Amino acid sequence: MGRQPKALKKWHEVMSSGNVKLLDTLLADNVVFHSPVVHTPQKGKQITMAYLSAASKVLGGDGFTYTREVIGKGNFVLEFTKEIDGILINGVDIVSYDDNDQIIDFKVMVRPLKAVNLIHQKMGEMLIKQKNL
């Protein structure tokens, strides 16, 4: 098995510690975030940090597990599971990073439909809460 990219190690550190401040150096300024519930790609570090911070609060913590990693040159795919309100969420993070080990593209895909609807509701609530902090 090849070495784990620095970007992947740092992402795991964000998810295990809950320290979203680490995203500031992990994300490239021109990063693009693809949400499972928002039609248009979200461009830029600030909006991506907002989405990933909210996602780490909604999905992270107890019961969140990465079940599979697929690592390629310049990208990795992480499959995850989490149960929220009795609904088993299954998803993947598809991540590309540059030569500086900064994330340049982050796409989240979630299934089944019940999970997508739940994530939409919970993420909306968390993003509103973050704006009000």
N, C-alpha and C. Protein backbone atom coordinates (compact mmCIF):
# COMPACT_ATOMS: atom_id res chain seq x y z
N MET A 1 0.85 -1.18 0.00
CA MET A 1 0.00 0.00 0.00
C MET A 1 0.89 1.24 0.00
N GLY A 2 0.55 2.24 -0.83
CA GLY A 2 1.34 3.46 -0.93
C GLY A 2 1.18 4.36 0.28
N ARG A 3 1.98 5.42 0.28
CA ARG A 3 1.91 6.35 1.40
C ARG A 3 0.60 7.13 1.38
N GLN A 4 0.16 7.51 2.54
CA GLN A 4 -1.05 8.30 2.65
C GLN A 4 -0.69 9.77 2.38
N PRO A 5 -1.37 10.43 1.44
CA PRO A 5 -1.06 11.83 1.14
C PRO A 5 -1.24 12.72 2.37
N LYS A 6 -0.43 13.80 2.45
CA LYS A 6 -0.53 14.74 3.58
C LYS A 6 -1.92 15.34 3.66
N ALA A 7 -2.53 15.64 2.51
CA ALA A 7 -3.87 16.22 2.51
C ALA A 7 -4.87 15.27 3.17
N LEU A 8 -4.73 13.98 2.92
CA LEU A 8 -5.62 12.99 3.52
C LEU A 8 -5.38 12.88 5.02
N LYS A 9 -4.11 12.85 5.43
CA LYS A 9 -3.79 12.79 6.86
C LYS A 9 -4.40 13.98 7.59
N LYS A 10 -4.25 15.16 7.00
CA LYS A 10 -4.76 16.37 7.64
C LYS A 10 -6.29 16.36 7.68
N TRP A 11 -6.93 15.85 6.62
CA TRP A 11 -8.39 15.75 6.61
C TRP A 11 -8.86 14.82 7.73
N HIS A 12 -8.19 13.68 7.88
CA HIS A 12 -8.54 12.76 8.98
C HIS A 12 -8.37 13.45 10.33
N GLU A 13 -7.35 14.28 10.46
CA GLU A 13 -7.12 15.02 11.70
C GLU A 13 -8.28 15.98 11.97
N VAL A 14 -8.77 16.65 10.93
CA VAL A 14 -9.92 17.55 11.08
C VAL A 14 -11.12 16.77 11.59
N MET A 15 -11.42 15.63 10.96
CA MET A 15 -12.61 14.87 11.32
C MET A 15 -12.48 14.20 12.69
N SER A 16 -11.30 13.74 13.05
CA SER A 16 -11.17 13.06 14.35
C SER A 16 -11.12 14.05 15.50
N SER A 17 -10.55 15.24 15.26
CA SER A 17 -10.41 16.22 16.35
C SER A 17 -11.58 17.19 16.41
N GLY A 18 -12.26 17.37 15.28
CA GLY A 18 -13.31 18.38 15.21
C GLY A 18 -12.76 19.79 15.09
N ASN A 19 -11.44 19.92 14.92
CA ASN A 19 -10.78 21.23 14.85
C ASN A 19 -10.84 21.75 13.41
N VAL A 20 -11.92 22.47 13.10
CA VAL A 20 -12.11 22.96 11.74
C VAL A 20 -11.17 24.11 11.39
N LYS A 21 -10.45 24.66 12.36
CA LYS A 21 -9.47 25.71 12.07
C LYS A 21 -8.34 25.17 11.20
N LEU A 22 -8.13 23.86 11.24
CA LEU A 22 -7.10 23.24 10.39
C LEU A 22 -7.44 23.38 8.91
N LEU A 23 -8.71 23.62 8.60
CA LEU A 23 -9.12 23.76 7.20
C LEU A 23 -8.48 24.97 6.54
N ASP A 24 -8.13 25.97 7.34
CA ASP A 24 -7.57 27.20 6.78
C ASP A 24 -6.31 26.94 5.97
N THR A 25 -5.46 26.04 6.45
CA THR A 25 -4.23 25.72 5.70
C THR A 25 -4.42 24.52 4.76
N LEU A 26 -5.44 23.72 5.01
CA LEU A 26 -5.68 22.53 4.19
C LEU A 26 -6.35 22.88 2.86
N LEU A 27 -7.19 23.90 2.86
CA LEU A 27 -7.94 24.26 1.66
C LEU A 27 -7.18 25.30 0.84
N ALA A 28 -7.13 25.08 -0.46
CA ALA A 28 -6.56 26.09 -1.37
C ALA A 28 -7.54 27.26 -1.46
N ASP A 29 -7.02 28.44 -1.78
CA ASP A 29 -7.88 29.63 -1.88
C ASP A 29 -8.97 29.45 -2.93
N ASN A 30 -8.67 28.72 -4.01
CA ASN A 30 -9.62 28.54 -5.11
C ASN A 30 -10.37 27.22 -5.05
N VAL A 31 -10.45 26.60 -3.87
CA VAL A 31 -11.13 25.32 -3.71
C VAL A 31 -12.58 25.43 -4.16
N VAL A 32 -13.10 24.31 -4.69
CA VAL A 32 -14.50 24.23 -5.10
C VAL A 32 -15.15 23.11 -4.30
N PHE A 33 -16.33 23.41 -3.73
CA PHE A 33 -17.08 22.43 -2.94
C PHE A 33 -18.36 22.08 -3.67
N HIS A 34 -18.63 20.77 -3.78
CA HIS A 34 -19.84 20.26 -4.43
C HIS A 34 -20.68 19.58 -3.35
N SER A 35 -21.79 20.18 -3.02
CA SER A 35 -22.69 19.67 -1.99
C SER A 35 -23.65 18.64 -2.58
N PRO A 36 -24.09 17.68 -1.77
CA PRO A 36 -25.09 16.74 -2.28
C PRO A 36 -26.47 17.37 -2.41
N VAL A 37 -26.67 18.57 -1.86
CA VAL A 37 -28.00 19.17 -1.88
C VAL A 37 -28.06 20.55 -2.54
N VAL A 38 -26.92 21.13 -2.89
CA VAL A 38 -26.89 22.43 -3.54
C VAL A 38 -26.50 22.23 -5.00
N HIS A 39 -27.28 22.78 -5.91
CA HIS A 39 -27.09 22.52 -7.35
C HIS A 39 -25.77 23.05 -7.89
N THR A 40 -25.38 24.27 -7.50
CA THR A 40 -24.18 24.87 -8.08
C THR A 40 -22.95 24.63 -7.22
N PRO A 41 -21.80 24.46 -7.85
CA PRO A 41 -20.56 24.34 -7.07
C PRO A 41 -20.32 25.62 -6.27
N GLN A 42 -19.80 25.47 -5.06
CA GLN A 42 -19.49 26.59 -4.19
C GLN A 42 -17.99 26.86 -4.32
N LYS A 43 -17.65 28.07 -4.76
CA LYS A 43 -16.25 28.37 -5.08
C LYS A 43 -15.62 29.27 -4.04
N GLY A 44 -14.42 28.88 -3.58
CA GLY A 44 -13.65 29.69 -2.66
C GLY A 44 -13.49 29.07 -1.29
N LYS A 45 -12.44 29.50 -0.61
CA LYS A 45 -12.09 28.94 0.69
C LYS A 45 -13.14 29.22 1.76
N GLN A 46 -13.64 30.46 1.83
CA GLN A 46 -14.56 30.82 2.93
C GLN A 46 -15.85 30.00 2.88
N ILE A 47 -16.48 29.91 1.70
CA ILE A 47 -17.73 29.17 1.59
C ILE A 47 -17.49 27.68 1.80
N THR A 48 -16.37 27.16 1.32
CA THR A 48 -16.05 25.74 1.52
C THR A 48 -15.80 25.46 2.99
N MET A 49 -15.11 26.38 3.68
CA MET A 49 -14.89 26.20 5.12
C MET A 49 -16.23 26.19 5.85
N ALA A 50 -17.16 27.03 5.46
CA ALA A 50 -18.47 27.07 6.11
C ALA A 50 -19.20 25.74 5.94
N TYR A 51 -19.22 25.22 4.71
CA TYR A 51 -19.89 23.95 4.45
C TYR A 51 -19.21 22.79 5.18
N LEU A 52 -17.88 22.72 5.11
CA LEU A 52 -17.19 21.60 5.76
C LEU A 52 -17.25 21.70 7.27
N SER A 53 -17.25 22.90 7.82
CA SER A 53 -17.41 23.07 9.27
C SER A 53 -18.78 22.58 9.72
N ALA A 54 -19.81 22.98 8.98
CA ALA A 54 -21.17 22.53 9.29
C ALA A 54 -21.27 21.01 9.15
N ALA A 55 -20.68 20.47 8.09
CA ALA A 55 -20.74 19.02 7.87
C ALA A 55 -20.03 18.26 8.98
N SER A 56 -18.91 18.78 9.46
CA SER A 56 -18.19 18.07 10.52
C SER A 56 -19.01 18.05 11.81
N LYS A 57 -19.82 19.08 12.04
CA LYS A 57 -20.69 19.10 13.22
C LYS A 57 -21.90 18.19 13.04
N VAL A 58 -22.48 18.18 11.83
CA VAL A 58 -23.67 17.37 11.56
C VAL A 58 -23.30 15.88 11.48
N LEU A 59 -22.23 15.57 10.76
CA LEU A 59 -21.89 14.17 10.50
C LEU A 59 -20.82 13.62 11.42
N GLY A 60 -19.90 14.46 11.87
CA GLY A 60 -18.76 13.98 12.65
C GLY A 60 -19.16 13.48 14.03
N GLY A 61 -18.15 13.10 14.79
CA GLY A 61 -18.38 12.65 16.17
C GLY A 61 -18.74 11.18 16.24
N ASP A 62 -19.41 10.82 17.32
CA ASP A 62 -19.75 9.42 17.59
C ASP A 62 -20.54 8.81 16.44
N GLY A 63 -20.11 7.62 16.05
CA GLY A 63 -20.82 6.88 15.03
C GLY A 63 -20.39 7.18 13.61
N PHE A 64 -19.63 8.26 13.41
CA PHE A 64 -19.13 8.55 12.06
C PHE A 64 -17.93 7.66 11.80
N THR A 65 -17.97 6.96 10.66
CA THR A 65 -16.88 6.04 10.33
C THR A 65 -16.56 6.11 8.84
N TYR A 66 -15.27 6.23 8.55
CA TYR A 66 -14.84 6.03 7.18
C TYR A 66 -14.64 4.52 7.01
N THR A 67 -15.34 3.94 6.03
CA THR A 67 -15.32 2.49 5.86
C THR A 67 -14.40 2.03 4.73
N ARG A 68 -14.00 3.00 3.85
CA ARG A 68 -13.14 2.62 2.73
C ARG A 68 -12.38 3.85 2.25
N GLU A 69 -11.14 3.63 1.84
CA GLU A 69 -10.31 4.68 1.24
C GLU A 69 -9.78 4.18 -0.08
N VAL A 70 -9.89 5.01 -1.10
CA VAL A 70 -9.28 4.72 -2.40
C VAL A 70 -8.38 5.91 -2.71
N ILE A 71 -7.09 5.64 -2.85
CA ILE A 71 -6.12 6.71 -3.01
C ILE A 71 -5.49 6.63 -4.40
N GLY A 72 -5.51 7.76 -5.10
CA GLY A 72 -4.89 7.86 -6.42
C GLY A 72 -3.95 9.05 -6.44
N LYS A 73 -3.34 9.30 -7.56
CA LYS A 73 -2.43 10.43 -7.68
C LYS A 73 -3.24 11.72 -7.73
N GLY A 74 -3.08 12.55 -6.72
CA GLY A 74 -3.77 13.83 -6.68
C GLY A 74 -5.20 13.78 -6.19
N ASN A 75 -5.67 12.60 -5.77
CA ASN A 75 -7.04 12.52 -5.27
C ASN A 75 -7.23 11.31 -4.37
N PHE A 76 -8.30 11.38 -3.61
CA PHE A 76 -8.71 10.24 -2.79
C PHE A 76 -10.22 10.25 -2.65
N VAL A 77 -10.77 9.05 -2.43
CA VAL A 77 -12.20 8.87 -2.22
C VAL A 77 -12.37 8.16 -0.88
N LEU A 78 -13.24 8.71 -0.04
CA LEU A 78 -13.49 8.15 1.28
C LEU A 78 -14.97 7.82 1.39
N GLU A 79 -15.28 6.56 1.64
CA GLU A 79 -16.68 6.18 1.88
C GLU A 79 -16.94 6.26 3.38
N PHE A 80 -18.11 6.79 3.75
CA PHE A 80 -18.43 6.94 5.16
C PHE A 80 -19.84 6.48 5.49
N THR A 81 -20.06 6.21 6.78
CA THR A 81 -21.40 5.91 7.30
C THR A 81 -21.60 6.68 8.60
N LYS A 82 -22.84 6.98 8.85
CA LYS A 82 -23.25 7.64 10.10
C LYS A 82 -24.75 7.45 10.23
N GLU A 83 -25.21 7.18 11.45
CA GLU A 83 -26.64 7.08 11.70
C GLU A 83 -27.09 8.33 12.43
N ILE A 84 -28.13 8.98 11.89
CA ILE A 84 -28.71 10.16 12.53
C ILE A 84 -30.22 9.97 12.54
N ASP A 85 -30.83 10.12 13.70
CA ASP A 85 -32.29 10.00 13.84
C ASP A 85 -32.82 8.70 13.24
N GLY A 86 -32.06 7.61 13.43
CA GLY A 86 -32.49 6.30 12.94
C GLY A 86 -32.29 6.07 11.45
N ILE A 87 -31.70 7.03 10.76
CA ILE A 87 -31.46 6.89 9.32
C ILE A 87 -29.98 6.63 9.09
N LEU A 88 -29.67 5.52 8.43
CA LEU A 88 -28.28 5.20 8.12
C LEU A 88 -27.86 5.97 6.87
N ILE A 89 -26.88 6.83 7.03
CA ILE A 89 -26.36 7.64 5.95
C ILE A 89 -25.12 6.94 5.40
N ASN A 90 -25.07 6.82 4.09
CA ASN A 90 -23.92 6.25 3.41
C ASN A 90 -23.50 7.27 2.36
N GLY A 91 -22.21 7.63 2.36
CA GLY A 91 -21.77 8.63 1.41
C GLY A 91 -20.31 8.48 1.06
N VAL A 92 -19.89 9.34 0.14
CA VAL A 92 -18.49 9.39 -0.25
C VAL A 92 -18.03 10.83 -0.34
N ASP A 93 -16.80 11.05 0.06
CA ASP A 93 -16.09 12.30 -0.16
C ASP A 93 -15.11 12.04 -1.29
N ILE A 94 -15.21 12.82 -2.36
CA ILE A 94 -14.30 12.70 -3.50
C ILE A 94 -13.45 13.96 -3.49
N VAL A 95 -12.16 13.80 -3.23
CA VAL A 95 -11.30 14.94 -2.94
C VAL A 95 -10.10 14.97 -3.88
N SER A 96 -9.83 16.14 -4.44
CA SER A 96 -8.61 16.36 -5.24
C SER A 96 -7.74 17.36 -4.50
N TYR A 97 -6.43 17.17 -4.60
CA TYR A 97 -5.49 18.09 -3.95
C TYR A 97 -4.36 18.41 -4.91
N ASP A 98 -3.69 19.54 -4.64
CA ASP A 98 -2.63 20.01 -5.54
C ASP A 98 -1.24 19.59 -5.05
N ASP A 99 -0.22 20.08 -5.71
CA ASP A 99 1.17 19.74 -5.36
C ASP A 99 1.58 20.30 -4.01
N ASN A 100 0.81 21.24 -3.47
CA ASN A 100 1.09 21.80 -2.14
C ASN A 100 0.32 21.07 -1.05
N ASP A 101 -0.30 19.94 -1.40
CA ASP A 101 -1.12 19.16 -0.47
C ASP A 101 -2.28 19.97 0.09
N GLN A 102 -2.82 20.86 -0.75
CA GLN A 102 -4.02 21.60 -0.38
C GLN A 102 -5.19 21.08 -1.21
N ILE A 103 -6.34 20.98 -0.58
CA ILE A 103 -7.53 20.49 -1.26
C ILE A 103 -8.02 21.55 -2.25
N ILE A 104 -8.24 21.12 -3.50
CA ILE A 104 -8.70 22.04 -4.54
C ILE A 104 -10.13 21.71 -5.00
N ASP A 105 -10.62 20.53 -4.67
CA ASP A 105 -11.97 20.14 -5.06
C ASP A 105 -12.48 19.11 -4.06
N PHE A 106 -13.69 19.34 -3.54
CA PHE A 106 -14.27 18.45 -2.53
C PHE A 106 -15.73 18.21 -2.90
N LYS A 107 -16.04 16.97 -3.24
CA LYS A 107 -17.41 16.61 -3.63
C LYS A 107 -17.95 15.58 -2.64
N VAL A 108 -19.18 15.82 -2.18
CA VAL A 108 -19.84 14.90 -1.27
C VAL A 108 -21.05 14.32 -1.97
N MET A 109 -21.17 13.00 -1.92
CA MET A 109 -22.34 12.31 -2.47
C MET A 109 -22.91 11.46 -1.35
N VAL A 110 -24.26 11.46 -1.23
CA VAL A 110 -24.93 10.78 -0.12
C VAL A 110 -26.10 9.96 -0.64
N ARG A 111 -26.36 8.85 0.03
CA ARG A 111 -27.51 8.00 -0.26
C ARG A 111 -28.03 7.45 1.05
N PRO A 112 -29.20 6.92 1.16
CA PRO A 112 -30.33 6.96 0.24
C PRO A 112 -31.04 8.31 0.30
N LEU A 113 -32.15 8.43 -0.42
CA LEU A 113 -32.87 9.70 -0.50
C LEU A 113 -33.25 10.23 0.88
N LYS A 114 -33.68 9.35 1.79
CA LYS A 114 -34.00 9.79 3.16
C LYS A 114 -32.80 10.49 3.80
N ALA A 115 -31.63 9.97 3.55
CA ALA A 115 -30.41 10.54 4.11
C ALA A 115 -30.11 11.90 3.49
N VAL A 116 -30.31 12.02 2.17
CA VAL A 116 -30.10 13.30 1.49
C VAL A 116 -31.02 14.35 2.07
N ASN A 117 -32.29 14.01 2.26
CA ASN A 117 -33.25 14.95 2.82
C ASN A 117 -32.88 15.35 4.24
N LEU A 118 -32.45 14.39 5.04
CA LEU A 118 -32.04 14.68 6.41
C LEU A 118 -30.81 15.58 6.44
N ILE A 119 -29.82 15.28 5.62
CA ILE A 119 -28.61 16.11 5.54
C ILE A 119 -28.97 17.53 5.11
N HIS A 120 -29.86 17.65 4.14
CA HIS A 120 -30.30 18.96 3.68
C HIS A 120 -30.87 19.78 4.84
N GLN A 121 -31.74 19.16 5.62
CA GLN A 121 -32.36 19.84 6.76
C GLN A 121 -31.31 20.21 7.81
N LYS A 122 -30.49 19.25 8.22
CA LYS A 122 -29.51 19.47 9.30
C LYS A 122 -28.43 20.47 8.89
N MET A 123 -27.97 20.37 7.65
CA MET A 123 -26.93 21.30 7.17
C MET A 123 -27.49 22.72 7.10
N GLY A 124 -28.73 22.86 6.64
CA GLY A 124 -29.36 24.18 6.60
C GLY A 124 -29.43 24.80 7.98
N GLU A 125 -29.84 24.00 8.97
CA GLU A 125 -29.91 24.49 10.36
C GLU A 125 -28.54 24.89 10.87
N MET A 126 -27.52 24.08 10.59
CA MET A 126 -26.16 24.36 11.08
C MET A 126 -25.57 25.59 10.41
N LEU A 127 -25.80 25.76 9.11
CA LEU A 127 -25.27 26.93 8.41
C LEU A 127 -25.91 28.21 8.95
N ILE A 128 -27.21 28.18 9.26
CA ILE A 128 -27.88 29.34 9.84
C ILE A 128 -27.31 29.62 11.23
N LYS A 129 -27.11 28.58 12.01
CA LYS A 129 -26.55 28.74 13.36
C LYS A 129 -25.16 29.35 13.30
N GLN A 130 -24.33 28.90 12.35
CA GLN A 130 -22.97 29.42 12.21
C GLN A 130 -22.99 30.90 11.84
N LYS A 131 -23.92 31.30 10.98
CA LYS A 131 -24.02 32.71 10.59
C LYS A 131 -24.39 33.59 11.77
N ASN A 132 -25.15 33.03 12.71
CA ASN A 132 -25.62 33.78 13.87
C ASN A 132 -24.62 33.82 15.02
N LEU A 133 -23.53 33.09 14.89
CA LEU A 133 -22.54 33.06 15.98
C LEU A 133 -21.75 34.35 16.04
